[in-house]
Amino acid sequence: MGRFALPVYREDGGIERYNAFHASLIVRHDENGKMYLYDMIDIKKETGNPLEL
């Protein structure tokens, strides 16, 4: 499970707030130890105050 946030911009270009999300990450672990993000599924917007992150 991962978390990420995207900014919501005002008309003047400043950041108004962030929308926070939870998602399940599909990751491949390669033989050389590297990890590759393949997809994000089950994306759900957090309903609480994003400042509580």
PDB file of N, CA and C in Angstrom:
ATOM      1  N   MET A   1       0.856  -1.172   0.000  1.00  0.00           N
ATOM      2  CA  MET A   1       0.000   0.000   0.000  1.00  0.00           C
ATOM      3  C   MET A   1       0.898   1.230   0.000  1.00  0.00           C
ATOM      4  N   GLY A   2       0.594   2.165  -0.851  1.00  0.00           N
ATOM      5  CA  GLY A   2       1.354   3.395  -0.928  1.00  0.00           C
ATOM      6  C   GLY A   2       0.456   4.610  -0.770  1.00  0.00           C
ATOM      7  N   ARG A   3       1.058   5.718  -0.478  1.00  0.00           N
ATOM      8  CA  ARG A   3       0.330   6.986  -0.353  1.00  0.00           C
ATOM      9  C   ARG A   3       1.017   8.028  -1.212  1.00  0.00           C
ATOM     10  N   PHE A   4       0.210   8.894  -1.816  1.00  0.00           N
ATOM     11  CA  PHE A   4       0.767  10.004  -2.579  1.00  0.00           C
ATOM     12  C   PHE A   4      -0.229  11.154  -2.550  1.00  0.00           C
ATOM     13  N   ALA A   5       0.238  12.338  -2.899  1.00  0.00           N
ATOM     14  CA  ALA A   5      -0.620  13.528  -2.900  1.00  0.00           C
ATOM     15  C   ALA A   5      -0.351  14.335  -4.163  1.00  0.00           C
ATOM     16  N   LEU A   6      -1.404  14.971  -4.656  1.00  0.00           N
ATOM     17  CA  LEU A   6      -1.315  15.834  -5.829  1.00  0.00           C
ATOM     18  C   LEU A   6      -1.782  17.230  -5.447  1.00  0.00           C
ATOM     19  N   PRO A   7      -1.079  18.258  -5.900  1.00  0.00           N
ATOM     20  CA  PRO A   7      -1.487  19.623  -5.553  1.00  0.00           C
ATOM     21  C   PRO A   7      -2.726  20.054  -6.334  1.00  0.00           C
ATOM     22  N   VAL A   8      -3.538  20.892  -5.702  1.00  0.00           N
ATOM     23  CA  VAL A   8      -4.660  21.563  -6.362  1.00  0.00           C
ATOM     24  C   VAL A   8      -4.277  23.034  -6.414  1.00  0.00           C
ATOM     25  N   TYR A   9      -4.234  23.576  -7.630  1.00  0.00           N
ATOM     26  CA  TYR A   9      -3.741  24.939  -7.834  1.00  0.00           C
ATOM     27  C   TYR A   9      -4.883  25.958  -7.885  1.00  0.00           C
ATOM     28  N   ARG A  10      -4.613  27.156  -7.359  1.00  0.00           N
ATOM     29  CA  ARG A  10      -5.525  28.286  -7.493  1.00  0.00           C
ATOM     30  C   ARG A  10      -5.356  28.882  -8.888  1.00  0.00           C
ATOM     31  N   GLU A  11      -6.246  29.796  -9.246  1.00  0.00           N
ATOM     32  CA  GLU A  11      -6.158  30.439 -10.560  1.00  0.00           C
ATOM     33  C   GLU A  11      -4.887  31.265 -10.713  1.00  0.00           C
ATOM     34  N   ASP A  12      -4.333  31.776  -9.602  1.00  0.00           N
ATOM     35  CA  ASP A  12      -3.103  32.577  -9.684  1.00  0.00           C
ATOM     36  C   ASP A  12      -1.842  31.721  -9.741  1.00  0.00           C
ATOM     37  N   GLY A  13      -1.990  30.395  -9.761  1.00  0.00           N
ATOM     38  CA  GLY A  13      -0.846  29.495  -9.870  1.00  0.00           C
ATOM     39  C   GLY A  13      -0.317  28.977  -8.555  1.00  0.00           C
ATOM     40  N   GLY A  14      -0.774  29.525  -7.428  1.00  0.00           N
ATOM     41  CA  GLY A  14      -0.342  29.035  -6.117  1.00  0.00           C
ATOM     42  C   GLY A  14      -1.064  27.750  -5.748  1.00  0.00           C
ATOM     43  N   ILE A  15      -0.512  27.037  -4.796  1.00  0.00           N
ATOM     44  CA  ILE A  15      -1.107  25.784  -4.356  1.00  0.00           C
ATOM     45  C   ILE A  15      -2.180  26.075  -3.309  1.00  0.00           C
ATOM     46  N   GLU A  16      -3.375  25.580  -3.567  1.00  0.00           N
ATOM     47  CA  GLU A  16      -4.503  25.766  -2.654  1.00  0.00           C
ATOM     48  C   GLU A  16      -4.505  24.704  -1.566  1.00  0.00           C
ATOM     49  N   ARG A  17      -4.311  23.459  -1.974  1.00  0.00           N
ATOM     50  CA  ARG A  17      -4.306  22.323  -1.041  1.00  0.00           C
ATOM     51  C   ARG A  17      -3.745  21.106  -1.779  1.00  0.00           C
ATOM     52  N   TYR A  18      -3.631  20.008  -1.059  1.00  0.00           N
ATOM     53  CA  TYR A  18      -3.219  18.743  -1.660  1.00  0.00           C
ATOM     54  C   TYR A  18      -4.338  17.723  -1.493  1.00  0.00           C
ATOM     55  N   ASN A  19      -4.598  16.950  -2.538  1.00  0.00           N
ATOM     56  CA  ASN A  19      -5.489  15.812  -2.445  1.00  0.00           C
ATOM     57  C   ASN A  19      -4.625  14.581  -2.214  1.00  0.00           C
ATOM     58  N   ALA A  20      -4.890  13.854  -1.135  1.00  0.00           N
ATOM     59  CA  ALA A  20      -4.096  12.678  -0.777  1.00  0.00           C
ATOM     60  C   ALA A  20      -4.843  11.407  -1.168  1.00  0.00           C
ATOM     61  N   PHE A  21      -4.072  10.384  -1.571  1.00  0.00           N
ATOM     62  CA  PHE A  21      -4.635   9.128  -2.056  1.00  0.00           C
ATOM     63  C   PHE A  21      -3.889   7.941  -1.445  1.00  0.00           C
ATOM     64  N   HIS A  22      -4.587   6.801  -1.339  1.00  0.00           N
ATOM     65  CA  HIS A  22      -3.995   5.499  -1.029  1.00  0.00           C
ATOM     66  C   HIS A  22      -4.067   4.662  -2.303  1.00  0.00           C
ATOM     67  N   ALA A  23      -3.095   3.797  -2.536  1.00  0.00           N
ATOM     68  CA  ALA A  23      -3.128   2.918  -3.706  1.00  0.00           C
ATOM     69  C   ALA A  23      -2.308   1.665  -3.425  1.00  0.00           C
ATOM     70  N   SER A  24      -2.686   0.578  -4.076  1.00  0.00           N
ATOM     71  CA  SER A  24      -1.883  -0.646  -4.057  1.00  0.00           C
ATOM     72  C   SER A  24      -0.897  -0.557  -5.209  1.00  0.00           C
ATOM     73  N   LEU A  25       0.370  -0.810  -4.927  1.00  0.00           N
ATOM     74  CA  LEU A  25       1.428  -0.697  -5.931  1.00  0.00           C
ATOM     75  C   LEU A  25       1.824  -2.072  -6.446  1.00  0.00           C
ATOM     76  N   ILE A  26       1.921  -2.204  -7.766  1.00  0.00           N
ATOM     77  CA  ILE A  26       2.404  -3.428  -8.396  1.00  0.00           C
ATOM     78  C   ILE A  26       3.868  -3.182  -8.763  1.00  0.00           C
ATOM     79  N   VAL A  27       4.773  -3.898  -8.071  1.00  0.00           N
ATOM     80  CA  VAL A  27       6.205  -3.660  -8.207  1.00  0.00           C
ATOM     81  C   VAL A  27       6.909  -4.964  -8.583  1.00  0.00           C
ATOM     82  N   ARG A  28       7.845  -4.872  -9.527  1.00  0.00           N
ATOM     83  CA  ARG A  28       8.680  -6.020  -9.891  1.00  0.00           C
ATOM     84  C   ARG A  28      10.025  -5.869  -9.200  1.00  0.00           C
ATOM     85  N   HIS A  29      10.474  -6.926  -8.536  1.00  0.00           N
ATOM     86  CA  HIS A  29      11.801  -6.964  -7.931  1.00  0.00           C
ATOM     87  C   HIS A  29      12.711  -7.715  -8.896  1.00  0.00           C
ATOM     88  N   ASP A  30      13.659  -7.012  -9.493  1.00  0.00           N
ATOM     89  CA  ASP A  30      14.549  -7.598 -10.484  1.00  0.00           C
ATOM     90  C   ASP A  30      15.675  -8.373  -9.805  1.00  0.00           C
ATOM     91  N   GLU A  31      16.323  -9.241 -10.555  1.00  0.00           N
ATOM     92  CA  GLU A  31      17.435 -10.038 -10.024  1.00  0.00           C
ATOM     93  C   GLU A  31      18.592  -9.173  -9.562  1.00  0.00           C
ATOM     94  N   ASN A  32      18.759  -7.985 -10.164  1.00  0.00           N
ATOM     95  CA  ASN A  32      19.863  -7.104  -9.802  1.00  0.00           C
ATOM     96  C   ASN A  32      19.540  -6.239  -8.583  1.00  0.00           C
ATOM     97  N   GLY A  33      18.397  -6.486  -7.927  1.00  0.00           N
ATOM     98  CA  GLY A  33      18.032  -5.746  -6.725  1.00  0.00           C
ATOM     99  C   GLY A  33      17.206  -4.492  -6.969  1.00  0.00           C
ATOM    100  N   LYS A  34      17.034  -4.119  -8.225  1.00  0.00           N
ATOM    101  CA  LYS A  34      16.238  -2.934  -8.530  1.00  0.00           C
ATOM    102  C   LYS A  34      14.750  -3.266  -8.501  1.00  0.00           C
ATOM    103  N   MET A  35      13.940  -2.239  -8.187  1.00  0.00           N
ATOM    104  CA  MET A  35      12.493  -2.404  -8.173  1.00  0.00           C
ATOM    105  C   MET A  35      11.895  -1.500  -9.246  1.00  0.00           C
ATOM    106  N   TYR A  36      10.891  -2.006  -9.951  1.00  0.00           N
ATOM    107  CA  TYR A  36      10.245  -1.278 -11.025  1.00  0.00           C
ATOM    108  C   TYR A  36       8.751  -1.197 -10.756  1.00  0.00           C
ATOM    109  N   LEU A  37       8.218   0.042 -10.744  1.00  0.00           N
ATOM    110  CA  LEU A  37       6.791   0.249 -10.554  1.00  0.00           C
ATOM    111  C   LEU A  37       6.070  -0.071 -11.854  1.00  0.00           C
ATOM    112  N   TYR A  38       5.140  -1.023 -11.803  1.00  0.00           N
ATOM    113  CA  TYR A  38       4.373  -1.403 -12.987  1.00  0.00           C
ATOM    114  C   TYR A  38       3.022  -0.721 -13.023  1.00  0.00           C
ATOM    115  N   ASP A  39       2.341  -0.613 -11.890  1.00  0.00           N
ATOM    116  CA  ASP A  39       0.986  -0.085 -11.911  1.00  0.00           C
ATOM    117  C   ASP A  39       0.574   0.313 -10.502  1.00  0.00           C
ATOM    118  N   MET A  40      -0.474   1.124 -10.444  1.00  0.00           N
ATOM    119  CA  MET A  40      -1.123   1.462  -9.174  1.00  0.00           C
ATOM    120  C   MET A  40      -2.592   1.098  -9.344  1.00  0.00           C
ATOM    121  N   ILE A  41      -3.114   0.297  -8.406  1.00  0.00           N
ATOM    122  CA  ILE A  41      -4.509  -0.131  -8.481  1.00  0.00           C
ATOM    123  C   ILE A  41      -5.211   0.199  -7.173  1.00  0.00           C
ATOM    124  N   ASP A  42      -6.520   0.071  -7.175  1.00  0.00           N
ATOM    125  CA  ASP A  42      -7.346   0.331  -5.985  1.00  0.00           C
ATOM    126  C   ASP A  42      -7.079   1.725  -5.418  1.00  0.00           C
ATOM    127  N   ILE A  43      -7.013   2.726  -6.276  1.00  0.00           N
ATOM    128  CA  ILE A  43      -6.724   4.098  -5.852  1.00  0.00           C
ATOM    129  C   ILE A  43      -7.957   4.677  -5.170  1.00  0.00           C
ATOM    130  N   LYS A  44      -7.778   5.165  -3.944  1.00  0.00           N
ATOM    131  CA  LYS A  44      -8.865   5.750  -3.173  1.00  0.00           C
ATOM    132  C   LYS A  44      -8.416   7.092  -2.614  1.00  0.00           C
ATOM    133  N   LYS A  45      -9.245   8.113  -2.782  1.00  0.00           N
ATOM    134  CA  LYS A  45      -8.945   9.433  -2.238  1.00  0.00           C
ATOM    135  C   LYS A  45      -9.188   9.421  -0.735  1.00  0.00           C
ATOM    136  N   GLU A  46      -8.246   9.973   0.018  1.00  0.00           N
ATOM    137  CA  GLU A  46      -8.424  10.099   1.461  1.00  0.00           C
ATOM    138  C   GLU A  46      -9.490  11.149   1.734  1.00  0.00           C
ATOM    139  N   THR A  47     -10.365  10.870   2.679  1.00  0.00           N
ATOM    140  CA  THR A  47     -11.459  11.789   2.969  1.00  0.00           C
ATOM    141  C   THR A  47     -11.133  12.727   4.121  1.00  0.00           C
ATOM    142  N   GLY A  48     -10.053  12.474   4.853  1.00  0.00           N
ATOM    143  CA  GLY A  48      -9.675  13.335   5.968  1.00  0.00           C
ATOM    144  C   GLY A  48      -8.941  14.574   5.491  1.00  0.00           C
ATOM    145  N   ASN A  49      -8.506  15.366   6.416  1.00  0.00           N
ATOM    146  CA  ASN A  49      -7.760  16.589   6.133  1.00  0.00           C
ATOM    147  C   ASN A  49      -6.362  16.211   5.659  1.00  0.00           C
ATOM    148  N   PRO A  50      -5.963  16.575   4.413  1.00  0.00           N
ATOM    149  CA  PRO A  50      -4.641  16.207   3.905  1.00  0.00           C
ATOM    150  C   PRO A  50      -3.493  16.752   4.736  1.00  0.00           C
ATOM    151  N   LEU A  51      -3.710  17.794   5.536  1.00  0.00           N
ATOM    152  CA  LEU A  51      -2.637  18.323   6.376  1.00  0.00           C
ATOM    153  C   LEU A  51      -2.263  17.369   7.496  1.00  0.00           C
ATOM    154  N   GLU A  52      -3.077  16.343   7.757  1.00  0.00           N
ATOM    155  CA  GLU A  52      -2.806  15.377   8.805  1.00  0.00           C
ATOM    156  C   GLU A  52      -1.845  14.279   8.364  1.00  0.00           C
ATOM    157  N   LEU A  53      -1.311  14.380   7.131  1.00  0.00           N
ATOM    158  CA  LEU A  53      -0.386  13.368   6.646  1.00  0.00           C
ATOM    159  C   LEU A  53       0.811  13.366   7.539  1.00  0.00           C
TER     160      LEU A  53
END
